[in-house]
C-alpha atoms as a PDB file:
ATOM      1  CA  MET A   1       0.000   0.000   0.000  1.00  0.00           C
ATOM      2  CA  SER A   2       1.448   3.373  -0.971  1.00  0.00           C
ATOM      3  CA  ASP A   3       1.525   6.496   1.180  1.00  0.00           C
ATOM      4  CA  SER A   4      -1.088   8.117  -1.076  1.00  0.00           C
ATOM      5  CA  SER A   5      -3.707   5.412  -0.387  1.00  0.00           C
ATOM      6  CA  PRO A   6      -7.061   6.735   0.855  1.00  0.00           C
ATOM      7  CA  ILE A   7      -7.229   3.964   3.498  1.00  0.00           C
ATOM      8  CA  THR A   8      -5.385   4.308   6.789  1.00  0.00           C
ATOM      9  CA  PRO A   9      -5.397   1.621   9.523  1.00  0.00           C
ATOM     10  CA  GLU A  10      -6.827   3.893  12.205  1.00  0.00           C
ATOM     11  CA  ALA A  11      -9.795   5.238  10.233  1.00  0.00           C
ATOM     12  CA  PHE A  12     -12.915   4.063   8.518  1.00  0.00           C
ATOM     13  CA  TYR A  13     -14.710   5.781   5.687  1.00  0.00           C
ATOM     14  CA  LEU A  14     -18.418   6.278   5.163  1.00  0.00           C
ATOM     15  CA  PHE A  15     -20.164   6.579   1.799  1.00  0.00           C
ATOM     16  CA  LYS A  16     -23.860   7.429   1.522  1.00  0.00           C
ATOM     17  CA  SER A  17     -26.120   6.662  -1.428  1.00  0.00           C
ATOM     18  CA  GLN A  18     -28.864   8.906  -2.741  1.00  0.00           C
ATOM     19  CA  ALA A  19     -31.331   6.630  -0.920  1.00  0.00           C
ATOM     20  CA  HIS A  20     -29.854   7.575   2.472  1.00  0.00           C
ATOM     21  CA  PRO A  21     -32.624   8.828   4.786  1.00  0.00           C
ATOM     22  CA  GLY A  22     -30.490  11.475   6.474  1.00  0.00           C
ATOM     23  CA  ASP A  23     -32.093  12.845   9.638  1.00  0.00           C
ATOM     24  CA  ALA A  24     -35.676  12.239   8.503  1.00  0.00           C
ATOM     25  CA  ALA A  25     -38.068  10.357  10.757  1.00  0.00           C
ATOM     26  CA  THR A  26     -38.918   6.750   9.936  1.00  0.00           C
ATOM     27  CA  GLN A  27     -42.555   7.647   9.216  1.00  0.00           C
ATOM     28  CA  VAL A  28     -41.555  10.354   6.725  1.00  0.00           C
ATOM     29  CA  VAL A  29     -39.108   8.081   4.879  1.00  0.00           C
ATOM     30  CA  TYR A  30     -41.632   5.220   4.842  1.00  0.00           C
ATOM     31  CA  GLY A  31     -44.410   7.533   3.630  1.00  0.00           C
ATOM     32  CA  HIS A  32     -42.284   8.863   0.773  1.00  0.00           C
ATOM     33  CA  ALA A  33     -41.198   5.344  -0.192  1.00  0.00           C
ATOM     34  CA  LEU A  34     -44.833   4.107  -0.114  1.00  0.00           C
ATOM     35  CA  VAL A  35     -46.167   6.587  -2.700  1.00  0.00           C
ATOM     36  CA  ARG A  36     -44.977   4.861  -5.894  1.00  0.00           C
ATOM     37  CA  PRO A  37     -45.810   1.259  -4.856  1.00  0.00           C
ATOM     38  CA  LEU A  38     -49.260   2.342  -3.667  1.00  0.00           C
ATOM     39  CA  GLY A  39     -49.922   4.116  -6.950  1.00  0.00           C
ATOM     40  CA  ILE A  40     -48.764   1.112  -8.961  1.00  0.00           C
ATOM     41  CA  CYS A  41     -50.841  -1.325  -6.890  1.00  0.00           C
ATOM     42  CA  MET A  42     -53.944   0.880  -6.988  1.00  0.00           C
ATOM     43  CA  LEU A  43     -53.855   1.459 -10.744  1.00  0.00           C
ATOM     44  CA  PRO A  44     -55.359  -1.920 -11.727  1.00  0.00           C
ATOM     45  CA  ILE A  45     -57.961  -1.584  -8.948  1.00  0.00           C
ATOM     46  CA  MET A  46     -59.047   1.826 -10.208  1.00  0.00           C
ATOM     47  CA  ILE A  47     -59.118   0.706 -13.855  1.00  0.00           C
ATOM     48  CA  GLY A  48     -61.129  -2.381 -12.893  1.00  0.00           C
ATOM     49  CA  ALA A  49     -63.566  -0.260 -10.873  1.00  0.00           C
ATOM     50  CA  LEU A  50     -63.953   2.186 -13.760  1.00  0.00           C
ATOM     51  CA  VAL A  51     -64.670  -0.614 -16.247  1.00  0.00           C
ATOM     52  CA  THR A  52     -67.143  -2.200 -13.810  1.00  0.00           C
ATOM     53  CA  VAL A  53     -69.023   1.101 -13.325  1.00  0.00           C
ATOM     54  CA  LEU A  54     -69.050   1.844 -17.068  1.00  0.00           C
ATOM     55  CA  GLN A  55     -70.616  -1.571 -17.659  1.00  0.00           C
ATOM     56  CA  GLY A  56     -73.365  -0.657 -15.201  1.00  0.00           C
ATOM     57  CA  PHE A  57     -72.362  -3.020 -12.401  1.00  0.00           C
ATOM     58  CA  PRO A  58     -71.767  -2.011  -8.769  1.00  0.00           C
ATOM     59  CA  ALA A  59     -68.077  -1.470  -7.984  1.00  0.00           C
ATOM     60  CA  LEU A  60     -68.208  -1.090  -4.199  1.00  0.00           C
ATOM     61  CA  THR A  61     -67.390  -4.740  -3.479  1.00  0.00           C
ATOM     62  CA  TYR A  62     -64.561  -4.606  -6.001  1.00  0.00           C
ATOM     63  CA  LEU A  63     -63.096  -1.550  -4.245  1.00  0.00           C
ATOM     64  CA  THR A  64     -63.595  -2.778  -0.669  1.00  0.00           C
ATOM     65  CA  VAL A  65     -61.652  -5.950  -1.470  1.00  0.00           C
ATOM     66  CA  GLY A  66     -59.180  -4.444  -3.928  1.00  0.00           C
ATOM     67  CA  PHE A  67     -58.057  -1.431  -1.923  1.00  0.00           C
ATOM     68  CA  PRO A  68     -56.972  -3.365   1.199  1.00  0.00           C
ATOM     69  CA  ALA A  69     -55.197  -5.933  -0.977  1.00  0.00           C
ATOM     70  CA  ALA A  70     -53.368  -3.182  -2.881  1.00  0.00           C
ATOM     71  CA  LEU A  71     -52.499  -1.414   0.381  1.00  0.00           C
ATOM     72  CA  VAL A  72     -51.044  -4.558   1.958  1.00  0.00           C
ATOM     73  CA  ALA A  73     -49.095  -5.414  -1.199  1.00  0.00           C
ATOM     74  CA  SER A  74     -47.633  -1.906  -1.467  1.00  0.00           C
ATOM     75  CA  MET A  75     -46.726  -1.831   2.243  1.00  0.00           C
ATOM     76  CA  LEU A  76     -44.899  -5.172   1.958  1.00  0.00           C
ATOM     77  CA  TRP A  77     -43.168  -4.018  -1.220  1.00  0.00           C
ATOM     78  CA  THR A  78     -42.037  -0.814   0.518  1.00  0.00           C
ATOM     79  CA  LEU A  79     -40.704  -2.675   3.554  1.00  0.00           C
ATOM     80  CA  PHE A  80     -38.836  -5.101   1.310  1.00  0.00           C
ATOM     81  CA  ARG A  81     -37.242  -2.251  -0.654  1.00  0.00           C
ATOM     82  CA  MET A  82     -36.250  -0.389   2.527  1.00  0.00           C
ATOM     83  CA  HIS A  83     -34.603  -3.546   3.877  1.00  0.00           C
ATOM     84  CA  THR A  84     -32.713  -4.317   0.648  1.00  0.00           C
ATOM     85  CA  THR A  85     -31.692  -0.861  -0.625  1.00  0.00           C
ATOM     86  CA  ILE A  86     -28.134  -0.116   0.495  1.00  0.00           C
ATOM     87  CA  ALA A  87     -27.815   3.384   1.941  1.00  0.00           C
ATOM     88  CA  GLU A  88     -24.385   3.311   3.621  1.00  0.00           C
ATOM     89  CA  ILE A  89     -21.060   1.612   3.030  1.00  0.00           C
ATOM     90  CA  TYR A  90     -18.386   1.779   5.711  1.00  0.00           C
ATOM     91  CA  LEU A  91     -14.817   0.872   4.765  1.00  0.00           C
ATOM     92  CA  ARG A  92     -11.664   0.055   6.699  1.00  0.00           C
ATOM     93  CA  PRO A  93      -8.564  -1.908   5.661  1.00  0.00           C
ATOM     94  CA  GLY A  94      -9.689  -5.337   4.439  1.00  0.00           C
ATOM     95  CA  ALA A  95     -13.312  -5.015   5.530  1.00  0.00           C
ATOM     96  CA  ALA A  96     -16.564  -3.260   4.779  1.00  0.00           C
ATOM     97  CA  ALA A  97     -19.965  -2.910   6.404  1.00  0.00           C
ATOM     98  CA  VAL A  98     -23.208  -2.034   4.649  1.00  0.00           C
ATOM     99  CA  ARG A  99     -26.474  -0.768   6.055  1.00  0.00           C
ATOM    100  CA  SER A 100     -29.837  -0.628   4.333  1.00  0.00           C
ATOM    101  CA  VAL A 101     -32.214   2.317   4.520  1.00  0.00           C
ATOM    102  CA  TRP A 102     -34.123   0.490   7.278  1.00  0.00           C
ATOM    103  CA  GLU A 103     -30.947  -0.208   9.251  1.00  0.00           C
ATOM    104  CA  CYS A 104     -29.921   3.459   9.002  1.00  0.00           C
ATOM    105  CA  LEU A 105     -33.297   4.599  10.303  1.00  0.00           C
ATOM    106  CA  HIS A 106     -33.065   2.266  13.295  1.00  0.00           C
ATOM    107  CA  ALA A 107     -29.317   2.679  13.979  1.00  0.00           C
ATOM    108  CA  HIS A 108     -28.484  -1.012  13.585  1.00  0.00           C
ATOM    109  CA  PRO A 109     -24.908  -1.928  14.513  1.00  0.00           C
ATOM    110  CA  LEU A 110     -22.301  -2.429  11.821  1.00  0.00           C
ATOM    111  CA  HIS A 111     -21.351  -5.961  10.776  1.00  0.00           C
ATOM    112  CA  TRP A 112     -17.852  -5.856   9.308  1.00  0.00           C
ATOM    113  CA  MET A 113     -17.223  -8.408   6.562  1.00  0.00           C
ATOM    114  CA  PRO A 114     -14.094  -9.163   4.529  1.00  0.00           C
ATOM    115  CA  ILE A 115     -13.971  -7.779   0.997  1.00  0.00           C
ATOM    116  CA  PHE A 116     -13.608 -10.836  -1.240  1.00  0.00           C
ATOM    117  CA  GLU A 117     -14.299  -9.445  -4.688  1.00  0.00           C
ATOM    118  CA  LEU A 118     -14.842  -6.176  -6.458  1.00  0.00           C
ATOM    119  CA  ARG A 119     -16.013  -5.958 -10.071  1.00  0.00           C
ATOM    120  CA  THR A 120     -16.953  -2.913 -12.065  1.00  0.00           C
ATOM    121  CA  ALA A 121     -19.071  -2.371 -15.134  1.00  0.00           C
ATOM    122  CA  THR A 122     -20.237   0.769 -16.878  1.00  0.00           C
ATOM    123  CA  THR A 123     -23.238   1.347 -14.613  1.00  0.00           C
ATOM    124  CA  THR A 124     -22.797  -1.149 -11.781  1.00  0.00           C
ATOM    125  CA  LEU A 125     -20.367  -2.073  -9.062  1.00  0.00           C
ATOM    126  CA  THR A 126     -20.452  -5.654  -7.777  1.00  0.00           C
ATOM    127  CA  LEU A 127     -19.124  -6.124  -4.274  1.00  0.00           C
ATOM    128  CA  ALA A 128     -18.692  -9.483  -2.527  1.00  0.00           C
ATOM    129  CA  LEU A 129     -18.589  -9.063   1.248  1.00  0.00           C
ATOM    130  CA  GLY A 130     -18.503 -12.146   3.424  1.00  0.00           C
ATOM    131  CA  ASP A 131     -21.063 -14.536   1.964  1.00  0.00           C
ATOM    132  CA  THR A 132     -23.176 -11.811   0.326  1.00  0.00           C
ATOM    133  CA  THR A 133     -22.835 -10.163  -3.061  1.00  0.00           C
ATOM    134  CA  TYR A 134     -24.160  -6.644  -3.566  1.00  0.00           C
ATOM    135  CA  GLU A 135     -24.777  -5.032  -6.924  1.00  0.00           C
ATOM    136  CA  LEU A 136     -24.712  -1.260  -6.640  1.00  0.00           C
ATOM    137  CA  ASP A 137     -25.969   1.188  -9.241  1.00  0.00           C
ATOM    138  CA  ARG A 138     -23.110   3.659  -9.698  1.00  0.00           C
ATOM    139  CA  THR A 139     -25.545   6.493 -10.436  1.00  0.00           C
ATOM    140  CA  ALA A 140     -27.063   6.081  -6.954  1.00  0.00           C
ATOM    141  CA  TRP A 141     -23.731   6.903  -5.273  1.00  0.00           C
ATOM    142  CA  PRO A 142     -22.704  10.580  -5.517  1.00  0.00           C
ATOM    143  CA  ASP A 143     -19.012   9.756  -4.932  1.00  0.00           C
ATOM    144  CA  ALA A 144     -18.946   6.549  -7.001  1.00  0.00           C
ATOM    145  CA  ASP A 145     -15.390   7.048  -8.283  1.00  0.00           C
ATOM    146  CA  LEU A 146     -14.025   7.781  -4.803  1.00  0.00           C
ATOM    147  CA  LEU A 147     -16.012   4.832  -3.420  1.00  0.00           C
ATOM    148  CA  LEU A 148     -14.470   2.536  -6.038  1.00  0.00           C
ATOM    149  CA  GLU A 149     -10.954   3.826  -5.342  1.00  0.00           C
ATOM    150  CA  THR A 150     -11.424   3.445  -1.581  1.00  0.00           C
ATOM    151  CA  LEU A 151     -12.897  -0.061  -1.993  1.00  0.00           C
ATOM    152  CA  ARG A 152      -9.879  -1.099  -4.047  1.00  0.00           C
ATOM    153  CA  ALA A 153      -7.506   0.340  -1.449  1.00  0.00           C
ATOM    154  CA  ALA A 154      -9.377  -1.328   1.424  1.00  0.00           C
ATOM    155  CA  ARG A 155      -9.308  -4.677  -0.373  1.00  0.00           C
ATOM    156  CA  ALA A 156      -5.596  -4.316  -1.165  1.00  0.00           C
ATOM    157  CA  ALA A 157      -4.842  -3.295   2.444  1.00  0.00           C
ATOM    158  CA  GLY A 158      -6.668  -6.385   3.707  1.00  0.00           C
ATOM    159  CA  ALA A 159      -4.827  -8.641   1.260  1.00  0.00           C
ATOM    160  CA  SER A 160      -1.458  -7.224   2.305  1.00  0.00           C
ATOM    161  CA  ARG A 161      -2.281  -7.695   5.995  1.00  0.00           C
ATOM    162  CA  HIS A 162      -3.296 -11.356   5.543  1.00  0.00           C
ATOM    163  CA  GLY A 163      -1.019 -12.568   2.860  1.00  0.00           C
END
């Protein structure tokens, strides 16, 4: 590792994606994340209700069953996305820790994992940490080039420490 490496043994580095919740309350972040899934899930219900009414049939039963189903589906979809969307990456020599949007909102502890592999493509960054592989959209990370450089340095620092 050269003296110009961005990784030093006594420090760790934090990178935040555009999905990072910042200081917002859980309810605000969840509410904002729920808008698109709710709209997508309600669209077929509303189209079905419109067609039913235009055909002269009552649509109330259709809506009273469809709306709760769409609401539950969109809530589950939102929770899944909040649990799987990476918002933070912490780096130190030879290891990294990631936290999802949900974990950031609830201040979950960091779980450091060794950096096994790092692959880049035009729009994605594939990162193998421990037994999990993450595929990151480079456009979602404001400092994607610095993140890539720091990941490479952290991986190299870990390899030089263990081998």
